[in-house]
């Protein structure tokens, strides 16, 4: 995972897609008794942050938003 730091934002590249990191949380905040991630509460957090993807890096969960390609038309 390649991370690019820009003023006031962090962008990372995964494959051919680019994502903006909106929020970083500890994995332990969403783990239940069976050591699995509670997807319901994590989903509420993702909606609250306005993200559309979660990536786990080390012990952190990165709530991200995909950077869309610009739509253009050749005239």
PDB file of N, CA and C in Angstrom:
ATOM      1  N   UNK A   1       0.854  -1.171   0.000  1.00  0.00           N
ATOM      2  CA  UNK A   1       0.000   0.000   0.000  1.00  0.00           C
ATOM      3  C   UNK A   1       0.898   1.231   0.000  1.00  0.00           C
ATOM      4  N   UNK A   2       0.746   2.066  -0.994  1.00  0.00           N
ATOM      5  CA  UNK A   2       1.515   3.289  -1.117  1.00  0.00           C
ATOM      6  C   UNK A   2       0.678   4.445  -0.591  1.00  0.00           C
ATOM      7  N   UNK A   3       1.222   5.197   0.392  1.00  0.00           N
ATOM      8  CA  UNK A   3       0.490   6.312   0.994  1.00  0.00           C
ATOM      9  C   UNK A   3       1.130   7.617   0.539  1.00  0.00           C
ATOM     10  N   UNK A   4       0.300   8.513   0.048  1.00  0.00           N
ATOM     11  CA  UNK A   4       0.743   9.838  -0.376  1.00  0.00           C
ATOM     12  C   UNK A   4       0.193  10.860   0.611  1.00  0.00           C
ATOM     13  N   UNK A   5       1.052  11.706   1.151  1.00  0.00           N
ATOM     14  CA  UNK A   5       0.607  12.730   2.097  1.00  0.00           C
ATOM     15  C   UNK A   5       0.495  14.073   1.399  1.00  0.00           C
ATOM     16  N   UNK A   6      -0.664  14.639   1.469  1.00  0.00           N
ATOM     17  CA  UNK A   6      -0.930  15.968   0.946  1.00  0.00           C
ATOM     18  C   UNK A   6      -1.381  16.833   2.115  1.00  0.00           C
ATOM     19  N   UNK A   7      -1.326  18.144   2.003  1.00  0.00           N
ATOM     20  CA  UNK A   7      -1.826  18.979   3.100  1.00  0.00           C
ATOM     21  C   UNK A   7      -3.292  18.669   3.406  1.00  0.00           C
ATOM     22  N   UNK A   8      -3.581  18.391   4.653  1.00  0.00           N
ATOM     23  CA  UNK A   8      -4.933  18.121   5.163  1.00  0.00           C
ATOM     24  C   UNK A   8      -5.562  16.831   4.643  1.00  0.00           C
ATOM     25  N   UNK A   9      -4.808  15.934   4.012  1.00  0.00           N
ATOM     26  CA  UNK A   9      -5.383  14.668   3.568  1.00  0.00           C
ATOM     27  C   UNK A   9      -4.289  13.637   3.326  1.00  0.00           C
ATOM     28  N   UNK A  10      -4.684  12.379   3.372  1.00  0.00           N
ATOM     29  CA  UNK A  10      -3.799  11.270   3.034  1.00  0.00           C
ATOM     30  C   UNK A  10      -4.489  10.434   1.976  1.00  0.00           C
ATOM     31  N   UNK A  11      -3.743  10.077   0.967  1.00  0.00           N
ATOM     32  CA  UNK A  11      -4.265   9.301  -0.150  1.00  0.00           C
ATOM     33  C   UNK A  11      -3.433   8.035  -0.258  1.00  0.00           C
ATOM     34  N   UNK A  12      -4.087   6.890  -0.489  1.00  0.00           N
ATOM     35  CA  UNK A  12      -3.312   5.684  -0.737  1.00  0.00           C
ATOM     36  C   UNK A  12      -3.805   5.007  -2.000  1.00  0.00           C
ATOM     37  N   UNK A  13      -2.877   4.285  -2.612  1.00  0.00           N
ATOM     38  CA  UNK A  13      -3.132   3.607  -3.878  1.00  0.00           C
ATOM     39  C   UNK A  13      -3.206   2.118  -3.616  1.00  0.00           C
ATOM     40  N   UNK A  14      -4.259   1.482  -4.103  1.00  0.00           N
ATOM     41  CA  UNK A  14      -4.416   0.040  -3.986  1.00  0.00           C
ATOM     42  C   UNK A  14      -4.852  -0.479  -5.349  1.00  0.00           C
ATOM     43  N   UNK A  15      -3.950  -1.152  -6.032  1.00  0.00           N
ATOM     44  CA  UNK A  15      -4.229  -1.596  -7.390  1.00  0.00           C
ATOM     45  C   UNK A  15      -4.267  -0.399  -8.316  1.00  0.00           C
ATOM     46  N   UNK A  16      -5.355  -0.251  -9.063  1.00  0.00           N
ATOM     47  CA  UNK A  16      -5.526   0.891  -9.970  1.00  0.00           C
ATOM     48  C   UNK A  16      -6.424   1.968  -9.384  1.00  0.00           C
ATOM     49  N   UNK A  17      -6.782   1.847  -8.110  1.00  0.00           N
ATOM     50  CA  UNK A  17      -7.714   2.776  -7.493  1.00  0.00           C
ATOM     51  C   UNK A  17      -7.009   3.615  -6.440  1.00  0.00           C
ATOM     52  N   UNK A  18      -7.524   4.833  -6.224  1.00  0.00           N
ATOM     53  CA  UNK A  18      -6.994   5.727  -5.206  1.00  0.00           C
ATOM     54  C   UNK A  18      -8.088   6.029  -4.190  1.00  0.00           C
ATOM     55  N   UNK A  19      -7.690   6.096  -2.912  1.00  0.00           N
ATOM     56  CA  UNK A  19      -8.627   6.346  -1.831  1.00  0.00           C
ATOM     57  C   UNK A  19      -8.115   7.456  -0.929  1.00  0.00           C
ATOM     58  N   UNK A  20      -9.029   8.253  -0.390  1.00  0.00           N
ATOM     59  CA  UNK A  20      -8.715   9.259   0.608  1.00  0.00           C
ATOM     60  C   UNK A  20      -9.038   8.677   1.967  1.00  0.00           C
ATOM     61  N   UNK A  21      -8.115   8.776   2.916  1.00  0.00           N
ATOM     62  CA  UNK A  21      -8.357   8.291   4.276  1.00  0.00           C
ATOM     63  C   UNK A  21      -9.146   9.359   5.026  1.00  0.00           C
ATOM     64  N   UNK A  22     -10.356   9.003   5.443  1.00  0.00           N
ATOM     65  CA  UNK A  22     -11.227   9.938   6.153  1.00  0.00           C
ATOM     66  C   UNK A  22     -11.042   9.856   7.662  1.00  0.00           C
ATOM     67  N   UNK A  23     -10.846   8.631   8.165  1.00  0.00           N
ATOM     68  CA  UNK A  23     -10.768   8.434   9.614  1.00  0.00           C
ATOM     69  C   UNK A  23      -9.985   7.158   9.896  1.00  0.00           C
ATOM     70  N   UNK A  24      -9.213   7.164  10.961  1.00  0.00           N
ATOM     71  CA  UNK A  24      -8.447   5.993  11.377  1.00  0.00           C
ATOM     72  C   UNK A  24      -8.900   5.610  12.783  1.00  0.00           C
ATOM     73  N   UNK A  25      -9.280   4.342  12.964  1.00  0.00           N
ATOM     74  CA  UNK A  25      -9.713   3.853  14.278  1.00  0.00           C
ATOM     75  C   UNK A  25      -8.956   2.567  14.612  1.00  0.00           C
ATOM     76  N   UNK A  26      -8.886   2.267  15.894  1.00  0.00           N
ATOM     77  CA  UNK A  26      -8.288   1.009  16.330  1.00  0.00           C
ATOM     78  C   UNK A  26      -9.240  -0.135  16.037  1.00  0.00           C
ATOM     79  N   UNK A  27      -8.692  -1.254  15.648  1.00  0.00           N
ATOM     80  CA  UNK A  27      -9.494  -2.444  15.362  1.00  0.00           C
ATOM     81  C   UNK A  27     -10.227  -2.911  16.607  1.00  0.00           C
ATOM     82  N   UNK A  28      -9.628  -2.706  17.777  1.00  0.00           N
ATOM     83  CA  UNK A  28     -10.205  -3.189  19.036  1.00  0.00           C
ATOM     84  C   UNK A  28     -11.525  -2.505  19.380  1.00  0.00           C
ATOM     85  N   UNK A  29     -11.809  -1.351  18.784  1.00  0.00           N
ATOM     86  CA  UNK A  29     -13.072  -0.662  19.063  1.00  0.00           C
ATOM     87  C   UNK A  29     -14.274  -1.412  18.495  1.00  0.00           C
ATOM     88  N   UNK A  30     -14.060  -2.246  17.482  1.00  0.00           N
ATOM     89  CA  UNK A  30     -15.167  -2.926  16.815  1.00  0.00           C
ATOM     90  C   UNK A  30     -15.095  -4.443  16.939  1.00  0.00           C
ATOM     91  N   UNK A  31     -14.243  -4.964  17.824  1.00  0.00           N
ATOM     92  CA  UNK A  31     -14.096  -6.405  18.006  1.00  0.00           C
ATOM     93  C   UNK A  31     -15.019  -6.848  19.139  1.00  0.00           C
ATOM     94  N   UNK A  32     -15.761  -7.953  18.905  1.00  0.00           N
ATOM     95  CA  UNK A  32     -16.629  -8.492  19.955  1.00  0.00           C
ATOM     96  C   UNK A  32     -15.927  -9.621  20.706  1.00  0.00           C
ATOM     97  N   UNK A  33     -16.667 -10.361  21.501  1.00  0.00           N
ATOM     98  CA  UNK A  33     -16.089 -11.396  22.372  1.00  0.00           C
ATOM     99  C   UNK A  33     -15.423 -12.536  21.614  1.00  0.00           C
ATOM    100  N   UNK A  34     -15.863 -12.799  20.390  1.00  0.00           N
ATOM    101  CA  UNK A  34     -15.287 -13.902  19.607  1.00  0.00           C
ATOM    102  C   UNK A  34     -14.127 -13.447  18.725  1.00  0.00           C
ATOM    103  N   UNK A  35     -13.619 -12.234  18.975  1.00  0.00           N
ATOM    104  CA  UNK A  35     -12.485 -11.659  18.249  1.00  0.00           C
ATOM    105  C   UNK A  35     -12.776 -11.469  16.759  1.00  0.00           C
ATOM    106  N   UNK A  36     -14.026 -11.173  16.435  1.00  0.00           N
ATOM    107  CA  UNK A  36     -14.403 -10.832  15.065  1.00  0.00           C
ATOM    108  C   UNK A  36     -14.918  -9.392  15.046  1.00  0.00           C
ATOM    109  N   UNK A  37     -14.809  -8.763  13.911  1.00  0.00           N
ATOM    110  CA  UNK A  37     -15.230  -7.369  13.792  1.00  0.00           C
ATOM    111  C   UNK A  37     -16.751  -7.302  13.677  1.00  0.00           C
ATOM    112  N   UNK A  38     -17.370  -6.456  14.484  1.00  0.00           N
ATOM    113  CA  UNK A  38     -18.809  -6.241  14.451  1.00  0.00           C
ATOM    114  C   UNK A  38     -19.113  -5.333  13.252  1.00  0.00           C
ATOM    115  N   UNK A  39     -19.578  -5.938  12.166  1.00  0.00           N
ATOM    116  CA  UNK A  39     -19.792  -5.207  10.919  1.00  0.00           C
ATOM    117  C   UNK A  39     -20.916  -4.187  11.022  1.00  0.00           C
ATOM    118  N   UNK A  40     -21.890  -4.420  11.883  1.00  0.00           N
ATOM    119  CA  UNK A  40     -23.009  -3.486  12.014  1.00  0.00           C
ATOM    120  C   UNK A  40     -22.535  -2.162  12.594  1.00  0.00           C
ATOM    121  N   UNK A  41     -21.824  -2.207  13.711  1.00  0.00           N
ATOM    122  CA  UNK A  41     -21.355  -0.961  14.320  1.00  0.00           C
ATOM    123  C   UNK A  41     -20.290  -0.287  13.455  1.00  0.00           C
ATOM    124  N   UNK A  42     -19.464  -1.074  12.781  1.00  0.00           N
ATOM    125  CA  UNK A  42     -18.478  -0.501  11.872  1.00  0.00           C
ATOM    126  C   UNK A  42     -19.172   0.177  10.694  1.00  0.00           C
ATOM    127  N   UNK A  43     -20.249  -0.419  10.208  1.00  0.00           N
ATOM    128  CA  UNK A  43     -21.022   0.180   9.121  1.00  0.00           C
ATOM    129  C   UNK A  43     -21.615   1.524   9.499  1.00  0.00           C
ATOM    130  N   UNK A  44     -22.090   1.649  10.750  1.00  0.00           N
ATOM    131  CA  UNK A  44     -22.610   2.935  11.221  1.00  0.00           C
ATOM    132  C   UNK A  44     -21.505   3.990  11.247  1.00  0.00           C
ATOM    133  N   UNK A  45     -20.309   3.581  11.660  1.00  0.00           N
ATOM    134  CA  UNK A  45     -19.178   4.510  11.700  1.00  0.00           C
ATOM    135  C   UNK A  45     -18.788   4.957  10.290  1.00  0.00           C
ATOM    136  N   UNK A  46     -18.806   4.027   9.339  1.00  0.00           N
ATOM    137  CA  UNK A  46     -18.466   4.346   7.951  1.00  0.00           C
ATOM    138  C   UNK A  46     -19.487   5.327   7.379  1.00  0.00           C
ATOM    139  N   UNK A  47     -20.774   5.107   7.653  1.00  0.00           N
ATOM    140  CA  UNK A  47     -21.816   6.027   7.189  1.00  0.00           C
ATOM    141  C   UNK A  47     -21.642   7.402   7.810  1.00  0.00           C
ATOM    142  N   UNK A  48     -21.314   7.446   9.097  1.00  0.00           N
ATOM    143  CA  UNK A  48     -21.152   8.713   9.801  1.00  0.00           C
ATOM    144  C   UNK A  48     -19.983   9.516   9.214  1.00  0.00           C
ATOM    145  N   UNK A  49     -18.908   8.823   8.832  1.00  0.00           N
ATOM    146  CA  UNK A  49     -17.728   9.491   8.253  1.00  0.00           C
ATOM    147  C   UNK A  49     -17.914   9.820   6.779  1.00  0.00           C
ATOM    148  N   UNK A  50     -18.877   9.190   6.110  1.00  0.00           N
ATOM    149  CA  UNK A  50     -19.099   9.433   4.696  1.00  0.00           C
ATOM    150  C   UNK A  50     -18.193   8.605   3.803  1.00  0.00           C
ATOM    151  N   UNK A  51     -17.715   7.486   4.316  1.00  0.00           N
ATOM    152  CA  UNK A  51     -16.824   6.628   3.547  1.00  0.00           C
ATOM    153  C   UNK A  51     -17.572   5.562   2.781  1.00  0.00           C
ATOM    154  N   UNK A  52     -16.829   4.830   1.958  1.00  0.00           N
ATOM    155  CA  UNK A  52     -17.428   3.736   1.212  1.00  0.00           C
ATOM    156  C   UNK A  52     -16.553   2.487   1.204  1.00  0.00           C
ATOM    157  N   UNK A  53     -15.462   2.492   1.968  1.00  0.00           N
ATOM    158  CA  UNK A  53     -14.583   1.326   2.018  1.00  0.00           C
ATOM    159  C   UNK A  53     -13.803   1.351   3.326  1.00  0.00           C
ATOM    160  N   UNK A  54     -13.532   0.160   3.860  1.00  0.00           N
ATOM    161  CA  UNK A  54     -12.717   0.015   5.062  1.00  0.00           C
ATOM    162  C   UNK A  54     -11.547  -0.886   4.725  1.00  0.00           C
ATOM    163  N   UNK A  55     -10.340  -0.449   5.074  1.00  0.00           N
ATOM    164  CA  UNK A  55      -9.123  -1.218   4.838  1.00  0.00           C
ATOM    165  C   UNK A  55      -8.437  -1.429   6.176  1.00  0.00           C
ATOM    166  N   UNK A  56      -8.019  -2.671   6.439  1.00  0.00           N
ATOM    167  CA  UNK A  56      -7.298  -2.957   7.673  1.00  0.00           C
ATOM    168  C   UNK A  56      -5.805  -2.920   7.381  1.00  0.00           C
ATOM    169  N   UNK A  57      -5.087  -2.101   8.159  1.00  0.00           N
ATOM    170  CA  UNK A  57      -3.634  -1.981   8.031  1.00  0.00           C
ATOM    171  C   UNK A  57      -3.048  -2.104   9.421  1.00  0.00           C
ATOM    172  N   UNK A  58      -2.256  -3.163   9.639  1.00  0.00           N
ATOM    173  CA  UNK A  58      -1.726  -3.506  10.961  1.00  0.00           C
ATOM    174  C   UNK A  58      -2.899  -3.679  11.928  1.00  0.00           C
ATOM    175  N   UNK A  59      -2.961  -2.894  12.989  1.00  0.00           N
ATOM    176  CA  UNK A  59      -4.052  -3.001  13.963  1.00  0.00           C
ATOM    177  C   UNK A  59      -5.041  -1.847  13.830  1.00  0.00           C
ATOM    178  N   UNK A  60      -5.027  -1.164  12.709  1.00  0.00           N
ATOM    179  CA  UNK A  60      -5.885  -0.013  12.475  1.00  0.00           C
ATOM    180  C   UNK A  60      -6.884  -0.313  11.365  1.00  0.00           C
ATOM    181  N   UNK A  61      -8.033   0.332  11.443  1.00  0.00           N
ATOM    182  CA  UNK A  61      -9.029   0.284  10.376  1.00  0.00           C
ATOM    183  C   UNK A  61      -9.076   1.668   9.743  1.00  0.00           C
ATOM    184  N   UNK A  62      -8.851   1.719   8.451  1.00  0.00           N
ATOM    185  CA  UNK A  62      -8.861   2.983   7.720  1.00  0.00           C
ATOM    186  C   UNK A  62     -10.202   3.120   7.011  1.00  0.00           C
ATOM    187  N   UNK A  63     -10.965   4.121   7.396  1.00  0.00           N
ATOM    188  CA  UNK A  63     -12.241   4.392   6.733  1.00  0.00           C
ATOM    189  C   UNK A  63     -11.934   5.336   5.585  1.00  0.00           C
ATOM    190  N   UNK A  64     -12.262   4.902   4.376  1.00  0.00           N
ATOM    191  CA  UNK A  64     -11.808   5.589   3.167  1.00  0.00           C
ATOM    192  C   UNK A  64     -12.963   5.930   2.244  1.00  0.00           C
ATOM    193  N   UNK A  65     -12.653   6.839   1.337  1.00  0.00           N
ATOM    194  CA  UNK A  65     -13.575   7.206   0.270  1.00  0.00           C
ATOM    195  C   UNK A  65     -12.823   7.087  -1.044  1.00  0.00           C
ATOM    196  N   UNK A  66     -13.439   6.449  -2.026  1.00  0.00           N
ATOM    197  CA  UNK A  66     -12.794   6.251  -3.320  1.00  0.00           C
ATOM    198  C   UNK A  66     -12.761   7.558  -4.101  1.00  0.00           C
ATOM    199  N   UNK A  67     -11.627   7.828  -4.713  1.00  0.00           N
ATOM    200  CA  UNK A  67     -11.484   9.003  -5.565  1.00  0.00           C
ATOM    201  C   UNK A  67     -11.930   8.603  -6.970  1.00  0.00           C
ATOM    202  N   UNK A  68     -12.974   9.244  -7.450  1.00  0.00           N
ATOM    203  CA  UNK A  68     -13.528   8.917  -8.760  1.00  0.00           C
ATOM    204  C   UNK A  68     -12.708   9.585  -9.858  1.00  0.00           C
ATOM    205  N   UNK A  69     -12.609   8.927 -10.994  1.00  0.00           N
ATOM    206  CA  UNK A  69     -11.960   9.510 -12.154  1.00  0.00           C
ATOM    207  C   UNK A  69     -12.829  10.645 -12.699  1.00  0.00           C
ATOM    208  N   UNK A  70     -12.170  11.640 -13.231  1.00  0.00           N
ATOM    209  CA  UNK A  70     -12.898  12.756 -13.850  1.00  0.00           C
ATOM    210  C   UNK A  70     -13.580  12.289 -15.131  1.00  0.00           C
ATOM    211  N   UNK A  71     -14.816  12.690 -15.321  1.00  0.00           N
ATOM    212  CA  UNK A  71     -15.548  12.367 -16.532  1.00  0.00           C
ATOM    213  C   UNK A  71     -15.277  13.469 -17.552  1.00  0.00           C
ATOM    214  N   UNK A  72     -14.828  13.101 -18.720  1.00  0.00           N
ATOM    215  CA  UNK A  72     -14.555  14.091 -19.745  1.00  0.00           C
ATOM    216  C   UNK A  72     -14.986  13.557 -21.107  1.00  0.00           C
ATOM    217  N   UNK A  73     -15.153  14.493 -22.024  1.00  0.00           N
ATOM    218  CA  UNK A  73     -15.603  14.135 -23.357  1.00  0.00           C
ATOM    219  C   UNK A  73     -14.721  14.851 -24.366  1.00  0.00           C
ATOM    220  N   UNK A  74     -14.227  14.126 -25.353  1.00  0.00           N
ATOM    221  CA  UNK A  74     -13.388  14.719 -26.388  1.00  0.00           C
ATOM    222  C   UNK A  74     -14.266  15.360 -27.454  1.00  0.00           C
ATOM    223  N   UNK A  75     -13.992  16.611 -27.728  1.00  0.00           N
ATOM    224  CA  UNK A  75     -14.798  17.352 -28.732  1.00  0.00           C
ATOM    225  C   UNK A  75     -13.997  17.540 -29.981  1.00  0.00           C
TER     226      UNK A  75
END
